[in-house]
Amino acid sequence: MPSTESTPPDDRWRPPELDFRLDGFDADEKTSKAFFREIELIEDYLVPLAVHHTADGVHSFYVAHDSSATWDHPGVPQYVALHLQRDLDSATFRFEQVTLPLPAMAQSWLIHRGCPTDSIELNLGSGPQPADEATRALERRLMTDGDHFALGYSYTHDYPGDPVIVAALRALDGRSSPFRVVIEEVDSDAWTYSLREGGFATVGEALQWCDDRLRGKAGPLPPVRPAASLVRPTPAPKAPAPRPPGRSR
């Protein structure tokens, strides 16, 4: 869901409060500095989209949109996945965080760090809604199978005229197209977003499609194909041509 300057249909909605539940907790100097640099500096710009706290108070999981990223370098990802871990006996904490281009990727990152899948559903508020079942299905697959892919490149184009996110992935299963492009596009009039996936045989082809799409020149995404169909058969060696008849020596 790229951030846009468009006014959502219901501007009365307000995001939930971002609560790290760290009152009374401390950390070592290295962790404290990292948390300040990575999280606290942009805390006022983080809009929580999904939050889960474990019942024992040890773990907290967050998916948040970083609205400050729009003023960063062009194309940087805007979704933060944050995992907080507290030691209740020593009243200390540690954390992991990563910034990713799509919310489903942030959810997947948290799920593979122990967050229950059904506890990190997105609260879309007044943001754009999924356009169709194909979008929902691909989001679910990215959430649960995110460890089957390696992110190689992404670009978030968040201008109102053409809000789009492209991400080039390397498939790790070896069963189908080795390179994928996932694209999210927002329809500002319908206030919906769609998510689609295409398959490529080479990283160069995948990156070229991304570049063409960002320039508004891309054709349709090619389908994801089984790996066997991408292997070009090696032609059988030709038998040597018969020698023309000649004189015996």
C-alpha atoms as a PDB file:
ATOM      1  CA  MET A   1       0.000   0.000   0.000  1.00  0.00           C
ATOM      2  CA  PRO A   2       2.132   2.916  -1.167  1.00  0.00           C
ATOM      3  CA  SER A   3       1.732   6.179   0.694  1.00  0.00           C
ATOM      4  CA  THR A   4      -0.065   8.751  -1.434  1.00  0.00           C
ATOM      5  CA  GLU A   5      -1.048  12.355  -1.025  1.00  0.00           C
ATOM      6  CA  SER A   6      -4.654  11.542  -1.924  1.00  0.00           C
ATOM      7  CA  THR A   7      -7.242  12.157   0.777  1.00  0.00           C
ATOM      8  CA  PRO A   8      -8.779   8.870   1.934  1.00  0.00           C
ATOM      9  CA  PRO A   9     -12.562   8.544   1.782  1.00  0.00           C
ATOM     10  CA  ASP A  10     -12.914   8.779   5.590  1.00  0.00           C
ATOM     11  CA  ASP A  11     -10.477  11.291   7.050  1.00  0.00           C
ATOM     12  CA  ARG A  12     -11.908  10.772  10.540  1.00  0.00           C
ATOM     13  CA  TRP A  13      -9.906   7.566  10.967  1.00  0.00           C
ATOM     14  CA  ARG A  14      -6.841   7.839  13.184  1.00  0.00           C
ATOM     15  CA  PRO A  15      -4.093   5.210  13.428  1.00  0.00           C
ATOM     16  CA  PRO A  16      -3.711   3.300  16.693  1.00  0.00           C
ATOM     17  CA  GLU A  17      -1.122   4.535  19.148  1.00  0.00           C
ATOM     18  CA  LEU A  18       2.335   3.036  18.786  1.00  0.00           C
ATOM     19  CA  ASP A  19       3.225   1.603  22.191  1.00  0.00           C
ATOM     20  CA  PHE A  20       6.584  -0.147  22.596  1.00  0.00           C
ATOM     21  CA  ARG A  21       5.810  -1.150  26.213  1.00  0.00           C
ATOM     22  CA  LEU A  22       9.347  -0.341  27.332  1.00  0.00           C
ATOM     23  CA  ASP A  23       8.595   1.707  30.456  1.00  0.00           C
ATOM     24  CA  GLY A  24      10.994   0.488  33.136  1.00  0.00           C
ATOM     25  CA  PHE A  25      13.167  -1.407  30.630  1.00  0.00           C
ATOM     26  CA  ASP A  26      16.734  -0.577  29.679  1.00  0.00           C
ATOM     27  CA  ALA A  27      19.339  -1.941  27.273  1.00  0.00           C
ATOM     28  CA  ASP A  28      23.096  -1.941  26.850  1.00  0.00           C
ATOM     29  CA  GLU A  29      24.698   1.080  25.210  1.00  0.00           C
ATOM     30  CA  LYS A  30      24.973  -0.501  21.763  1.00  0.00           C
ATOM     31  CA  THR A  31      21.330  -1.597  21.725  1.00  0.00           C
ATOM     32  CA  SER A  32      20.094   1.741  23.095  1.00  0.00           C
ATOM     33  CA  LYS A  33      21.936   3.704  20.422  1.00  0.00           C
ATOM     34  CA  ALA A  34      20.708   1.409  17.670  1.00  0.00           C
ATOM     35  CA  PHE A  35      17.098   1.617  18.892  1.00  0.00           C
ATOM     36  CA  PHE A  36      17.291   5.403  19.028  1.00  0.00           C
ATOM     37  CA  ARG A  37      18.790   5.591  15.533  1.00  0.00           C
ATOM     38  CA  GLU A  38      16.517   3.027  13.866  1.00  0.00           C
ATOM     39  CA  ILE A  39      13.212   3.530  15.689  1.00  0.00           C
ATOM     40  CA  GLU A  40      12.960   6.452  18.110  1.00  0.00           C
ATOM     41  CA  LEU A  41      14.182   9.057  15.612  1.00  0.00           C
ATOM     42  CA  ILE A  42      11.265   8.254  13.295  1.00  0.00           C
ATOM     43  CA  GLU A  43       8.734   7.194  15.944  1.00  0.00           C
ATOM     44  CA  ASP A  44       6.407  10.105  15.206  1.00  0.00           C
ATOM     45  CA  TYR A  45       6.279   9.040  11.550  1.00  0.00           C
ATOM     46  CA  LEU A  46       5.566   5.362  12.158  1.00  0.00           C
ATOM     47  CA  VAL A  47       1.940   4.406  11.533  1.00  0.00           C
ATOM     48  CA  PRO A  48       1.236   0.974  13.064  1.00  0.00           C
ATOM     49  CA  LEU A  49      -0.590  -1.377  10.694  1.00  0.00           C
ATOM     50  CA  ALA A  50      -0.331  -4.561  12.758  1.00  0.00           C
ATOM     51  CA  VAL A  51       0.724  -5.180  16.367  1.00  0.00           C
ATOM     52  CA  HIS A  52       0.904  -8.338  18.463  1.00  0.00           C
ATOM     53  CA  HIS A  53       2.074  -8.730  22.069  1.00  0.00           C
ATOM     54  CA  THR A  54       2.538 -12.183  23.551  1.00  0.00           C
ATOM     55  CA  ALA A  55       0.560 -12.904  26.703  1.00  0.00           C
ATOM     56  CA  ASP A  56       3.712 -13.276  28.818  1.00  0.00           C
ATOM     57  CA  GLY A  57       4.923  -9.782  27.826  1.00  0.00           C
ATOM     58  CA  VAL A  58       8.209 -11.074  26.431  1.00  0.00           C
ATOM     59  CA  HIS A  59       7.663 -10.446  22.713  1.00  0.00           C
ATOM     60  CA  SER A  60       6.080  -7.652  20.687  1.00  0.00           C
ATOM     61  CA  PHE A  61       5.743  -7.630  16.903  1.00  0.00           C
ATOM     62  CA  TYR A  62       4.988  -4.558  14.785  1.00  0.00           C
ATOM     63  CA  VAL A  63       4.337  -3.724  11.132  1.00  0.00           C
ATOM     64  CA  ALA A  64       4.426   0.028  10.585  1.00  0.00           C
ATOM     65  CA  HIS A  65       4.478   2.428   7.663  1.00  0.00           C
ATOM     66  CA  ASP A  66       7.317   4.947   7.823  1.00  0.00           C
ATOM     67  CA  SER A  67       5.873   8.119   6.329  1.00  0.00           C
ATOM     68  CA  SER A  68       9.240   9.883   6.693  1.00  0.00           C
ATOM     69  CA  ALA A  69      10.713   7.621   4.000  1.00  0.00           C
ATOM     70  CA  THR A  70       9.067   9.712   1.297  1.00  0.00           C
ATOM     71  CA  TRP A  71      11.711  12.386   2.023  1.00  0.00           C
ATOM     72  CA  ASP A  72      14.572   9.887   1.967  1.00  0.00           C
ATOM     73  CA  HIS A  73      16.408   8.742  -1.150  1.00  0.00           C
ATOM     74  CA  PRO A  74      13.980   8.053  -4.019  1.00  0.00           C
ATOM     75  CA  GLY A  75      12.623   4.514  -4.064  1.00  0.00           C
ATOM     76  CA  VAL A  76      13.522   3.410  -0.528  1.00  0.00           C
ATOM     77  CA  PRO A  77      11.156   0.882   1.121  1.00  0.00           C
ATOM     78  CA  GLN A  78       8.644   2.269   3.591  1.00  0.00           C
ATOM     79  CA  TYR A  79       7.424  -0.628   5.778  1.00  0.00           C
ATOM     80  CA  VAL A  80       9.157  -1.390   9.073  1.00  0.00           C
ATOM     81  CA  ALA A  81       9.006  -4.803  10.738  1.00  0.00           C
ATOM     82  CA  LEU A  82      10.050  -4.645  14.384  1.00  0.00           C
ATOM     83  CA  HIS A  83      10.500  -7.489  16.875  1.00  0.00           C
ATOM     84  CA  LEU A  84      11.006  -6.479  20.507  1.00  0.00           C
ATOM     85  CA  GLN A  85      12.199  -9.056  23.080  1.00  0.00           C
ATOM     86  CA  ARG A  86      12.113  -8.281  26.792  1.00  0.00           C
ATOM     87  CA  ASP A  87      13.934  -9.993  29.638  1.00  0.00           C
ATOM     88  CA  LEU A  88      11.470  -9.602  32.474  1.00  0.00           C
ATOM     89  CA  ASP A  89      13.950 -10.652  35.163  1.00  0.00           C
ATOM     90  CA  SER A  90      16.625  -8.110  34.265  1.00  0.00           C
ATOM     91  CA  ALA A  91      14.184  -5.489  32.857  1.00  0.00           C
ATOM     92  CA  THR A  92      16.226  -5.228  29.670  1.00  0.00           C
ATOM     93  CA  PHE A  93      15.276  -5.471  26.010  1.00  0.00           C
ATOM     94  CA  ARG A  94      16.735  -6.172  22.625  1.00  0.00           C
ATOM     95  CA  PHE A  95      15.272  -5.806  19.162  1.00  0.00           C
ATOM     96  CA  GLU A  96      15.474  -6.688  15.504  1.00  0.00           C
ATOM     97  CA  GLN A  97      14.114  -4.537  12.705  1.00  0.00           C
ATOM     98  CA  VAL A  98      14.116  -4.438   8.939  1.00  0.00           C
ATOM     99  CA  THR A  99      12.603  -2.136   6.334  1.00  0.00           C
ATOM    100  CA  LEU A 100      10.839  -3.860   3.440  1.00  0.00           C
ATOM    101  CA  PRO A 101       8.882  -2.732   0.365  1.00  0.00           C
ATOM    102  CA  LEU A 102       5.569  -4.544   1.010  1.00  0.00           C
ATOM    103  CA  PRO A 103       3.511  -5.115   4.166  1.00  0.00           C
ATOM    104  CA  ALA A 104       3.191  -8.841   3.405  1.00  0.00           C
ATOM    105  CA  MET A 105       6.987  -9.113   3.411  1.00  0.00           C
ATOM    106  CA  ALA A 106       7.132  -7.399   6.802  1.00  0.00           C
ATOM    107  CA  GLN A 107       4.489  -9.803   8.115  1.00  0.00           C
ATOM    108  CA  SER A 108       6.446 -12.771   6.759  1.00  0.00           C
ATOM    109  CA  TRP A 109       9.648 -11.567   8.430  1.00  0.00           C
ATOM    110  CA  LEU A 110       7.837 -11.410  11.778  1.00  0.00           C
ATOM    111  CA  ILE A 111       6.068 -14.753  11.304  1.00  0.00           C
ATOM    112  CA  HIS A 112       9.413 -16.443  10.759  1.00  0.00           C
ATOM    113  CA  ARG A 113      10.557 -14.951  14.067  1.00  0.00           C
ATOM    114  CA  GLY A 114       7.741 -16.541  16.014  1.00  0.00           C
ATOM    115  CA  CYS A 115       4.739 -14.267  15.538  1.00  0.00           C
ATOM    116  CA  PRO A 116       1.500 -16.262  15.040  1.00  0.00           C
ATOM    117  CA  THR A 117       0.227 -15.785  11.497  1.00  0.00           C
ATOM    118  CA  ASP A 118      -3.319 -14.939  12.534  1.00  0.00           C
ATOM    119  CA  SER A 119      -2.122 -12.349  15.071  1.00  0.00           C
ATOM    120  CA  ILE A 120      -0.406  -9.964  12.671  1.00  0.00           C
ATOM    121  CA  GLU A 121      -3.275  -9.149  10.303  1.00  0.00           C
ATOM    122  CA  LEU A 122      -3.154  -5.626   8.880  1.00  0.00           C
ATOM    123  CA  ASN A 123      -5.408  -2.870  10.178  1.00  0.00           C
ATOM    124  CA  LEU A 124      -5.977  -0.998   6.927  1.00  0.00           C
ATOM    125  CA  GLY A 125      -8.006   1.784   8.535  1.00  0.00           C
ATOM    126  CA  SER A 126      -9.002   4.230   5.826  1.00  0.00           C
ATOM    127  CA  GLY A 127      -6.167   3.198   3.502  1.00  0.00           C
ATOM    128  CA  PRO A 128      -6.730   1.541   0.133  1.00  0.00           C
ATOM    129  CA  GLN A 129      -8.314  -1.907   0.284  1.00  0.00           C
ATOM    130  CA  PRO A 130      -7.312  -5.069  -1.650  1.00  0.00           C
ATOM    131  CA  ALA A 131      -8.780  -4.858  -5.145  1.00  0.00           C
ATOM    132  CA  ASP A 132      -9.564  -8.546  -5.610  1.00  0.00           C
ATOM    133  CA  GLU A 133      -9.047 -12.110  -4.446  1.00  0.00           C
ATOM    134  CA  ALA A 134      -5.881 -12.440  -6.541  1.00  0.00           C
ATOM    135  CA  THR A 135      -4.334  -9.675  -4.444  1.00  0.00           C
ATOM    136  CA  ARG A 136      -5.399 -11.319  -1.181  1.00  0.00           C
ATOM    137  CA  ALA A 137      -4.124 -14.723  -2.304  1.00  0.00           C
ATOM    138  CA  LEU A 138      -0.701 -13.385  -3.279  1.00  0.00           C
ATOM    139  CA  GLU A 139      -0.447 -11.480   0.012  1.00  0.00           C
ATOM    140  CA  ARG A 140      -1.204 -14.663   1.958  1.00  0.00           C
ATOM    141  CA  ARG A 141       1.431 -16.565   0.002  1.00  0.00           C
ATOM    142  CA  LEU A 142       4.068 -13.877   0.521  1.00  0.00           C
ATOM    143  CA  MET A 143       3.255 -13.900   4.244  1.00  0.00           C
ATOM    144  CA  THR A 144       3.607 -17.647   4.685  1.00  0.00           C
ATOM    145  CA  ASP A 145       6.209 -18.489   2.022  1.00  0.00           C
ATOM    146  CA  GLY A 146       8.375 -15.414   2.399  1.00  0.00           C
ATOM    147  CA  ASP A 147      11.409 -17.512   3.325  1.00  0.00           C
ATOM    148  CA  HIS A 148      11.230 -19.105  -0.141  1.00  0.00           C
ATOM    149  CA  PHE A 149      12.424 -15.854  -1.725  1.00  0.00           C
ATOM    150  CA  ALA A 150      15.361 -13.481  -1.414  1.00  0.00           C
ATOM    151  CA  LEU A 151      14.730  -9.787  -2.033  1.00  0.00           C
ATOM    152  CA  GLY A 152      17.201  -8.386  -4.509  1.00  0.00           C
ATOM    153  CA  TYR A 153      15.795  -4.999  -5.518  1.00  0.00           C
ATOM    154  CA  SER A 154      12.832  -2.767  -4.842  1.00  0.00           C
ATOM    155  CA  TYR A 155      11.597   0.690  -5.706  1.00  0.00           C
ATOM    156  CA  THR A 156       8.718   2.564  -4.077  1.00  0.00           C
ATOM    157  CA  HIS A 157       7.263   5.240  -6.353  1.00  0.00           C
ATOM    158  CA  ASP A 158       4.869   7.082  -4.069  1.00  0.00           C
ATOM    159  CA  TYR A 159       3.889  10.064  -6.196  1.00  0.00           C
ATOM    160  CA  PRO A 160       0.116  10.566  -6.485  1.00  0.00           C
ATOM    161  CA  GLY A 161       0.076  10.286 -10.263  1.00  0.00           C
ATOM    162  CA  ASP A 162       1.309   6.681 -10.323  1.00  0.00           C
ATOM    163  CA  PRO A 163       1.782   5.117  -6.878  1.00  0.00           C
ATOM    164  CA  VAL A 164       3.524   1.791  -7.468  1.00  0.00           C
ATOM    165  CA  ILE A 165       5.960  -0.568  -5.760  1.00  0.00           C
ATOM    166  CA  VAL A 166       8.126  -3.060  -7.658  1.00  0.00           C
ATOM    167  CA  ALA A 167      10.204  -5.769  -5.992  1.00  0.00           C
ATOM    168  CA  ALA A 168      12.520  -8.236  -7.733  1.00  0.00           C
ATOM    169  CA  LEU A 169      12.955 -11.549  -5.898  1.00  0.00           C
ATOM    170  CA  ARG A 170      15.083 -14.649  -6.289  1.00  0.00           C
ATOM    171  CA  ALA A 171      13.042 -17.846  -5.874  1.00  0.00           C
ATOM    172  CA  LEU A 172      14.895 -20.357  -3.705  1.00  0.00           C
ATOM    173  CA  ASP A 173      12.804 -23.475  -4.328  1.00  0.00           C
ATOM    174  CA  GLY A 174      14.152 -24.244  -7.813  1.00  0.00           C
ATOM    175  CA  ARG A 175      10.746 -25.458  -8.963  1.00  0.00           C
ATOM    176  CA  SER A 176       9.688 -22.506 -11.103  1.00  0.00           C
ATOM    177  CA  SER A 177      10.833 -19.206 -12.610  1.00  0.00           C
ATOM    178  CA  PRO A 178      14.028 -18.408 -10.701  1.00  0.00           C
ATOM    179  CA  PHE A 179      13.361 -14.656 -10.658  1.00  0.00           C
ATOM    180  CA  ARG A 180      10.109 -12.924  -9.805  1.00  0.00           C
ATOM    181  CA  VAL A 181       8.756  -9.424  -9.939  1.00  0.00           C
ATOM    182  CA  VAL A 182       5.978  -8.476  -7.530  1.00  0.00           C
ATOM    183  CA  ILE A 183       4.181  -5.221  -8.266  1.00  0.00           C
ATOM    184  CA  GLU A 184       1.678  -3.297  -6.181  1.00  0.00           C
ATOM    185  CA  GLU A 185      -0.384  -0.593  -7.868  1.00  0.00           C
ATOM    186  CA  VAL A 186      -2.928   1.758  -6.289  1.00  0.00           C
ATOM    187  CA  ASP A 187      -6.125   2.916  -7.944  1.00  0.00           C
ATOM    188  CA  SER A 188      -6.608   6.280  -6.234  1.00  0.00           C
ATOM    189  CA  ASP A 189     -10.112   6.714  -7.656  1.00  0.00           C
ATOM    190  CA  ALA A 190     -11.401   3.336  -6.419  1.00  0.00           C
ATOM    191  CA  TRP A 191      -9.129   3.551  -3.333  1.00  0.00           C
ATOM    192  CA  THR A 192      -7.914  -0.001  -3.868  1.00  0.00           C
ATOM    193  CA  TYR A 193      -4.572  -1.671  -4.494  1.00  0.00           C
ATOM    194  CA  SER A 194      -3.680  -4.710  -6.566  1.00  0.00           C
ATOM    195  CA  LEU A 195      -0.759  -7.083  -6.191  1.00  0.00           C
ATOM    196  CA  ARG A 196       0.561  -9.167  -9.083  1.00  0.00           C
ATOM    197  CA  GLU A 197       3.534 -11.478  -9.751  1.00  0.00           C
ATOM    198  CA  GLY A 198       5.530 -12.355 -12.863  1.00  0.00           C
ATOM    199  CA  GLY A 199       8.282 -14.866 -13.589  1.00  0.00           C
ATOM    200  CA  PHE A 200      11.602 -14.338 -15.370  1.00  0.00           C
ATOM    201  CA  ALA A 201      14.410 -16.629 -16.429  1.00  0.00           C
ATOM    202  CA  THR A 202      17.226 -14.142 -15.643  1.00  0.00           C
ATOM    203  CA  VAL A 203      17.828 -11.366 -13.164  1.00  0.00           C
ATOM    204  CA  GLY A 204      18.524  -8.987 -16.046  1.00  0.00           C
ATOM    205  CA  GLU A 205      15.073  -9.561 -17.509  1.00  0.00           C
ATOM    206  CA  ALA A 206      13.422  -9.013 -14.124  1.00  0.00           C
ATOM    207  CA  LEU A 207      15.286  -5.768 -13.467  1.00  0.00           C
ATOM    208  CA  GLN A 208      14.633  -4.526 -16.986  1.00  0.00           C
ATOM    209  CA  TRP A 209      10.892  -5.063 -16.535  1.00  0.00           C
ATOM    210  CA  CYS A 210      11.005  -3.104 -13.271  1.00  0.00           C
ATOM    211  CA  ASP A 211      12.841  -0.261 -14.965  1.00  0.00           C
ATOM    212  CA  ASP A 212      10.404  -0.246 -17.879  1.00  0.00           C
ATOM    213  CA  ARG A 213       7.411  -0.180 -15.505  1.00  0.00           C
ATOM    214  CA  LEU A 214       8.801   2.752 -13.547  1.00  0.00           C
ATOM    215  CA  ARG A 215       9.188   4.574 -16.866  1.00  0.00           C
ATOM    216  CA  GLY A 216       5.656   3.641 -17.876  1.00  0.00           C
ATOM    217  CA  LYS A 217       6.808   1.444 -20.769  1.00  0.00           C
ATOM    218  CA  ALA A 218       6.417  -2.124 -19.488  1.00  0.00           C
ATOM    219  CA  GLY A 219       4.260  -4.756 -21.115  1.00  0.00           C
ATOM    220  CA  PRO A 220       2.255  -7.361 -19.179  1.00  0.00           C
ATOM    221  CA  LEU A 221       4.054  -9.418 -16.562  1.00  0.00           C
ATOM    222  CA  PRO A 222       5.057 -12.831 -17.941  1.00  0.00           C
ATOM    223  CA  PRO A 223       3.542 -15.761 -16.064  1.00  0.00           C
ATOM    224  CA  VAL A 224       5.467 -17.802 -13.509  1.00  0.00           C
ATOM    225  CA  ARG A 225       6.510 -21.022 -15.254  1.00  0.00           C
ATOM    226  CA  PRO A 226       7.717 -24.425 -14.034  1.00  0.00           C
ATOM    227  CA  ALA A 227      11.497 -24.665 -14.006  1.00  0.00           C
ATOM    228  CA  ALA A 228      11.492 -27.474 -16.561  1.00  0.00           C
ATOM    229  CA  SER A 229       9.834 -25.260 -19.154  1.00  0.00           C
ATOM    230  CA  LEU A 230      12.596 -22.656 -18.805  1.00  0.00           C
ATOM    231  CA  VAL A 231      15.413 -25.052 -19.723  1.00  0.00           C
ATOM    232  CA  ARG A 232      16.168 -24.977 -23.398  1.00  0.00           C
ATOM    233  CA  PRO A 233      16.849 -28.495 -24.676  1.00  0.00           C
ATOM    234  CA  THR A 234      20.400 -29.070 -25.848  1.00  0.00           C
ATOM    235  CA  PRO A 235      20.357 -30.045 -29.508  1.00  0.00           C
ATOM    236  CA  ALA A 236      21.658 -33.502 -30.257  1.00  0.00           C
ATOM    237  CA  PRO A 237      25.124 -33.495 -31.836  1.00  0.00           C
ATOM    238  CA  LYS A 238      25.042 -33.790 -35.586  1.00  0.00           C
ATOM    239  CA  ALA A 239      26.522 -36.867 -37.196  1.00  0.00           C
ATOM    240  CA  PRO A 240      29.553 -36.059 -39.356  1.00  0.00           C
ATOM    241  CA  ALA A 241      28.669 -35.488 -42.979  1.00  0.00           C
ATOM    242  CA  PRO A 242      29.577 -38.425 -45.245  1.00  0.00           C
ATOM    243  CA  ARG A 243      32.735 -37.896 -47.280  1.00  0.00           C
ATOM    244  CA  PRO A 244      32.287 -37.552 -50.994  1.00  0.00           C
ATOM    245  CA  PRO A 245      33.534 -40.508 -53.006  1.00  0.00           C
ATOM    246  CA  GLY A 246      37.120 -40.145 -54.182  1.00  0.00           C
ATOM    247  CA  ARG A 247      40.095 -42.092 -55.401  1.00  0.00           C
ATOM    248  CA  SER A 248      41.721 -44.639 -53.156  1.00  0.00           C
ATOM    249  CA  ARG A 249      45.323 -43.944 -52.334  1.00  0.00           C
END
